[in-house]
Amino acid sequence: MKTNIVCVKYEDSIYKKTFSGREYSYYTIVPLKKGDIVIAPTKNGISNALVTSVDVPKEKIESIKDVLKTITIKMNKELFLKNVSKERMKNYV
């Protein structure tokens, strides 16, 4: 069943452009698929995040649905990854 609930993993704070740790659930108002890069609101501001699952069952978030935040921005994955190459190149030049 389709839902507007997704799970994401946040970008690693040390190894940029990699995503690790536990999954966090969000509502979304933009169409997303697994593997998309989004900007996720967090208690400490915002974070880049990787969508790890879509159409999450409502039962999974029942206990936290009142505090769930909403993803409103999908990033251009190609540009996001292209920027990685430029950053890494600076380190090796």
N, C-alpha and C. Protein backbone atom coordinates (compact mmCIF):
# COMPACT_ATOMS: atom_id res chain seq x y z
N MET A 1 0.83 -1.17 0.00
CA MET A 1 0.00 0.00 0.00
C MET A 1 0.89 1.25 0.00
N LYS A 2 0.53 2.23 -0.81
CA LYS A 2 1.30 3.46 -0.88
C LYS A 2 1.00 4.35 0.32
N THR A 3 2.07 4.89 0.90
CA THR A 3 1.93 5.86 1.99
C THR A 3 2.87 7.02 1.69
N ASN A 4 2.74 8.07 2.44
CA ASN A 4 3.66 9.20 2.29
C ASN A 4 4.70 9.17 3.41
N ILE A 5 5.10 7.96 3.81
CA ILE A 5 6.08 7.78 4.88
C ILE A 5 7.31 7.09 4.30
N VAL A 6 8.48 7.65 4.63
CA VAL A 6 9.75 7.08 4.16
C VAL A 6 10.70 6.92 5.33
N CYS A 7 11.75 6.10 5.13
CA CYS A 7 12.84 5.99 6.09
C CYS A 7 14.11 6.50 5.41
N VAL A 8 14.95 7.15 6.21
CA VAL A 8 16.21 7.70 5.68
C VAL A 8 17.36 7.39 6.63
N LYS A 9 18.57 7.49 6.09
CA LYS A 9 19.79 7.47 6.90
C LYS A 9 20.49 8.78 6.63
N TYR A 10 21.03 9.39 7.69
CA TYR A 10 21.69 10.68 7.59
C TYR A 10 23.10 10.55 7.02
N GLU A 11 23.56 11.64 6.40
CA GLU A 11 24.92 11.71 5.89
C GLU A 11 25.90 11.65 7.07
N ASP A 12 26.95 10.86 6.91
CA ASP A 12 27.96 10.72 7.96
C ASP A 12 28.67 12.07 8.14
N SER A 13 28.88 12.47 9.38
CA SER A 13 29.49 13.78 9.65
C SER A 13 30.99 13.80 9.36
N ILE A 14 31.62 12.65 9.36
CA ILE A 14 33.06 12.58 9.08
C ILE A 14 33.32 12.23 7.62
N TYR A 15 32.68 11.18 7.13
CA TYR A 15 32.84 10.73 5.75
C TYR A 15 31.69 11.27 4.91
N LYS A 16 31.85 12.51 4.45
CA LYS A 16 30.80 13.16 3.68
C LYS A 16 30.42 12.34 2.46
N LYS A 17 29.15 12.46 2.10
CA LYS A 17 28.56 11.78 0.94
C LYS A 17 28.40 10.27 1.17
N THR A 18 28.55 9.83 2.42
CA THR A 18 28.22 8.45 2.78
C THR A 18 27.12 8.53 3.84
N PHE A 19 26.33 7.50 3.93
CA PHE A 19 25.16 7.51 4.80
C PHE A 19 25.21 6.27 5.69
N SER A 20 25.04 6.49 6.99
CA SER A 20 25.17 5.37 7.92
C SER A 20 24.29 5.59 9.13
N GLY A 21 24.35 4.64 10.04
CA GLY A 21 23.56 4.76 11.26
C GLY A 21 22.18 4.16 11.12
N ARG A 22 21.36 4.47 12.08
CA ARG A 22 20.00 3.92 12.08
C ARG A 22 19.10 4.67 11.12
N GLU A 23 17.96 4.08 10.85
CA GLU A 23 16.98 4.71 9.98
C GLU A 23 16.05 5.60 10.81
N TYR A 24 15.62 6.68 10.18
CA TYR A 24 14.66 7.60 10.78
C TYR A 24 13.47 7.73 9.84
N SER A 25 12.28 7.80 10.40
CA SER A 25 11.06 7.89 9.61
C SER A 25 10.61 9.34 9.46
N TYR A 26 10.06 9.62 8.29
CA TYR A 26 9.55 10.96 7.96
C TYR A 26 8.30 10.84 7.10
N TYR A 27 7.44 11.86 7.20
CA TYR A 27 6.42 12.06 6.19
C TYR A 27 7.11 12.76 5.02
N THR A 28 6.52 12.68 3.83
CA THR A 28 7.06 13.41 2.69
C THR A 28 5.92 13.98 1.86
N ILE A 29 6.15 15.17 1.31
CA ILE A 29 5.15 15.76 0.42
C ILE A 29 5.64 15.74 -1.03
N VAL A 30 6.86 15.22 -1.22
CA VAL A 30 7.41 15.09 -2.59
C VAL A 30 7.52 13.61 -2.93
N PRO A 31 7.26 13.24 -4.18
CA PRO A 31 7.41 11.83 -4.57
C PRO A 31 8.87 11.40 -4.44
N LEU A 32 9.11 10.30 -3.74
CA LEU A 32 10.47 9.81 -3.52
C LEU A 32 10.55 8.33 -3.85
N LYS A 33 11.78 7.90 -4.17
CA LYS A 33 12.04 6.47 -4.35
C LYS A 33 13.31 6.13 -3.59
N LYS A 34 13.50 4.86 -3.34
CA LYS A 34 14.69 4.39 -2.64
C LYS A 34 15.93 4.85 -3.39
N GLY A 35 16.90 5.42 -2.64
CA GLY A 35 18.13 5.91 -3.25
C GLY A 35 18.14 7.41 -3.49
N ASP A 36 17.01 8.08 -3.36
CA ASP A 36 16.97 9.54 -3.52
C ASP A 36 17.71 10.21 -2.37
N ILE A 37 18.25 11.39 -2.65
CA ILE A 37 18.91 12.21 -1.63
C ILE A 37 17.95 13.36 -1.30
N VAL A 38 17.74 13.59 -0.01
CA VAL A 38 16.81 14.62 0.44
C VAL A 38 17.45 15.48 1.51
N ILE A 39 16.81 16.60 1.80
CA ILE A 39 17.19 17.41 2.95
C ILE A 39 16.16 17.11 4.03
N ALA A 40 16.64 16.59 5.16
CA ALA A 40 15.74 16.17 6.24
C ALA A 40 15.86 17.11 7.43
N PRO A 41 14.72 17.60 7.94
CA PRO A 41 14.77 18.41 9.15
C PRO A 41 15.07 17.52 10.35
N THR A 42 15.95 17.99 11.24
CA THR A 42 16.29 17.24 12.45
C THR A 42 16.13 18.15 13.65
N LYS A 43 16.31 17.60 14.84
CA LYS A 43 16.19 18.43 16.04
C LYS A 43 17.33 19.45 16.12
N ASN A 44 18.42 19.23 15.37
CA ASN A 44 19.57 20.13 15.38
C ASN A 44 19.70 20.96 14.10
N GLY A 45 18.67 21.05 13.32
CA GLY A 45 18.73 21.79 12.05
C GLY A 45 18.30 20.92 10.89
N ILE A 46 19.17 20.85 9.86
CA ILE A 46 18.87 20.01 8.70
C ILE A 46 20.05 19.10 8.41
N SER A 47 19.79 18.02 7.68
CA SER A 47 20.84 17.08 7.31
C SER A 47 20.52 16.49 5.94
N ASN A 48 21.57 16.24 5.16
CA ASN A 48 21.39 15.47 3.93
C ASN A 48 21.08 14.04 4.35
N ALA A 49 20.20 13.40 3.61
CA ALA A 49 19.81 12.03 3.97
C ALA A 49 19.53 11.22 2.71
N LEU A 50 19.71 9.91 2.83
CA LEU A 50 19.46 8.95 1.76
C LEU A 50 18.18 8.20 2.07
N VAL A 51 17.25 8.17 1.12
CA VAL A 51 16.01 7.42 1.31
C VAL A 51 16.33 5.93 1.23
N THR A 52 16.01 5.21 2.30
CA THR A 52 16.31 3.78 2.36
C THR A 52 15.08 2.91 2.16
N SER A 53 13.90 3.45 2.41
CA SER A 53 12.67 2.72 2.11
C SER A 53 11.52 3.70 1.93
N VAL A 54 10.56 3.29 1.12
CA VAL A 54 9.38 4.11 0.84
C VAL A 54 8.13 3.30 1.15
N ASP A 55 7.01 4.00 1.22
CA ASP A 55 5.72 3.36 1.52
C ASP A 55 5.78 2.55 2.81
N VAL A 56 6.37 3.16 3.82
CA VAL A 56 6.47 2.51 5.13
C VAL A 56 5.07 2.39 5.72
N PRO A 57 4.70 1.22 6.25
CA PRO A 57 3.36 1.05 6.82
C PRO A 57 3.12 2.00 7.99
N LYS A 58 1.91 2.53 8.06
CA LYS A 58 1.56 3.47 9.14
C LYS A 58 1.72 2.84 10.52
N GLU A 59 1.56 1.53 10.59
CA GLU A 59 1.68 0.84 11.87
C GLU A 59 3.09 0.98 12.45
N LYS A 60 4.09 1.10 11.58
CA LYS A 60 5.47 1.20 12.03
C LYS A 60 5.75 2.51 12.78
N ILE A 61 4.99 3.56 12.45
CA ILE A 61 5.25 4.86 13.06
C ILE A 61 4.15 5.28 14.03
N GLU A 62 3.26 4.37 14.36
CA GLU A 62 2.11 4.70 15.20
C GLU A 62 2.51 5.43 16.49
N SER A 63 3.56 4.96 17.16
CA SER A 63 3.93 5.54 18.45
C SER A 63 4.63 6.89 18.33
N ILE A 64 5.10 7.26 17.13
CA ILE A 64 5.82 8.52 16.97
C ILE A 64 5.16 9.46 15.96
N LYS A 65 3.97 9.12 15.50
CA LYS A 65 3.36 9.89 14.42
C LYS A 65 3.12 11.36 14.78
N ASP A 66 2.94 11.67 16.05
CA ASP A 66 2.68 13.06 16.45
C ASP A 66 3.93 13.94 16.39
N VAL A 67 5.11 13.35 16.39
CA VAL A 67 6.35 14.14 16.36
C VAL A 67 7.11 13.98 15.04
N LEU A 68 6.56 13.20 14.12
CA LEU A 68 7.24 12.98 12.83
C LEU A 68 7.32 14.27 12.04
N LYS A 69 8.49 14.54 11.48
CA LYS A 69 8.71 15.73 10.66
C LYS A 69 8.46 15.37 9.19
N THR A 70 8.45 16.39 8.34
CA THR A 70 8.13 16.20 6.93
C THR A 70 9.29 16.62 6.04
N ILE A 71 9.61 15.77 5.08
CA ILE A 71 10.61 16.09 4.06
C ILE A 71 9.90 16.84 2.94
N THR A 72 10.49 17.99 2.57
CA THR A 72 9.89 18.81 1.52
C THR A 72 10.83 19.06 0.34
N ILE A 73 12.10 18.66 0.48
CA ILE A 73 13.08 18.95 -0.57
C ILE A 73 13.82 17.69 -1.01
N LYS A 74 13.75 17.40 -2.30
CA LYS A 74 14.52 16.32 -2.91
C LYS A 74 15.69 16.97 -3.65
N MET A 75 16.89 16.48 -3.41
CA MET A 75 18.08 17.03 -4.05
C MET A 75 18.33 16.35 -5.39
N ASN A 76 19.07 17.03 -6.25
CA ASN A 76 19.49 16.45 -7.52
C ASN A 76 20.66 15.52 -7.21
N LYS A 77 20.43 14.22 -7.29
CA LYS A 77 21.45 13.23 -6.91
C LYS A 77 22.71 13.34 -7.76
N GLU A 78 22.55 13.58 -9.04
CA GLU A 78 23.71 13.68 -9.94
C GLU A 78 24.61 14.85 -9.53
N LEU A 79 24.02 16.01 -9.25
CA LEU A 79 24.81 17.16 -8.82
C LEU A 79 25.42 16.93 -7.44
N PHE A 80 24.68 16.29 -6.56
CA PHE A 80 25.18 15.98 -5.23
C PHE A 80 26.43 15.11 -5.34
N LEU A 81 26.38 14.07 -6.16
CA LEU A 81 27.53 13.17 -6.32
C LEU A 81 28.66 13.84 -7.09
N LYS A 82 28.34 14.71 -8.03
CA LYS A 82 29.36 15.42 -8.79
C LYS A 82 30.17 16.31 -7.85
N ASN A 83 29.51 16.94 -6.90
CA ASN A 83 30.20 17.78 -5.92
C ASN A 83 31.16 16.97 -5.07
N VAL A 84 30.86 15.71 -4.86
CA VAL A 84 31.77 14.84 -4.11
C VAL A 84 33.10 14.77 -4.82
N SER A 85 33.05 14.55 -6.12
CA SER A 85 34.28 14.41 -6.88
C SER A 85 35.14 15.66 -6.77
N LYS A 86 34.54 16.83 -6.86
CA LYS A 86 35.30 18.08 -6.77
C LYS A 86 35.93 18.22 -5.40
N GLU A 87 35.18 17.89 -4.34
CA GLU A 87 35.71 18.00 -2.99
C GLU A 87 36.88 17.04 -2.79
N ARG A 88 36.72 15.83 -3.25
CA ARG A 88 37.80 14.83 -3.07
C ARG A 88 39.02 15.20 -3.90
N MET A 89 38.80 15.77 -5.07
CA MET A 89 39.92 16.17 -5.91
C MET A 89 40.75 17.24 -5.23
N LYS A 90 40.13 18.16 -4.52
CA LYS A 90 40.86 19.21 -3.81
C LYS A 90 41.83 18.61 -2.80
N ASN A 91 41.44 17.49 -2.20
CA ASN A 91 42.28 16.84 -1.20
C ASN A 91 43.50 16.16 -1.81
N TYR A 92 43.45 15.86 -3.08
CA TYR A 92 44.54 15.11 -3.71
C TYR A 92 45.41 15.94 -4.63
N VAL A 93 45.07 17.20 -4.81
CA VAL A 93 45.84 18.06 -5.72
C VAL A 93 46.90 18.81 -4.96
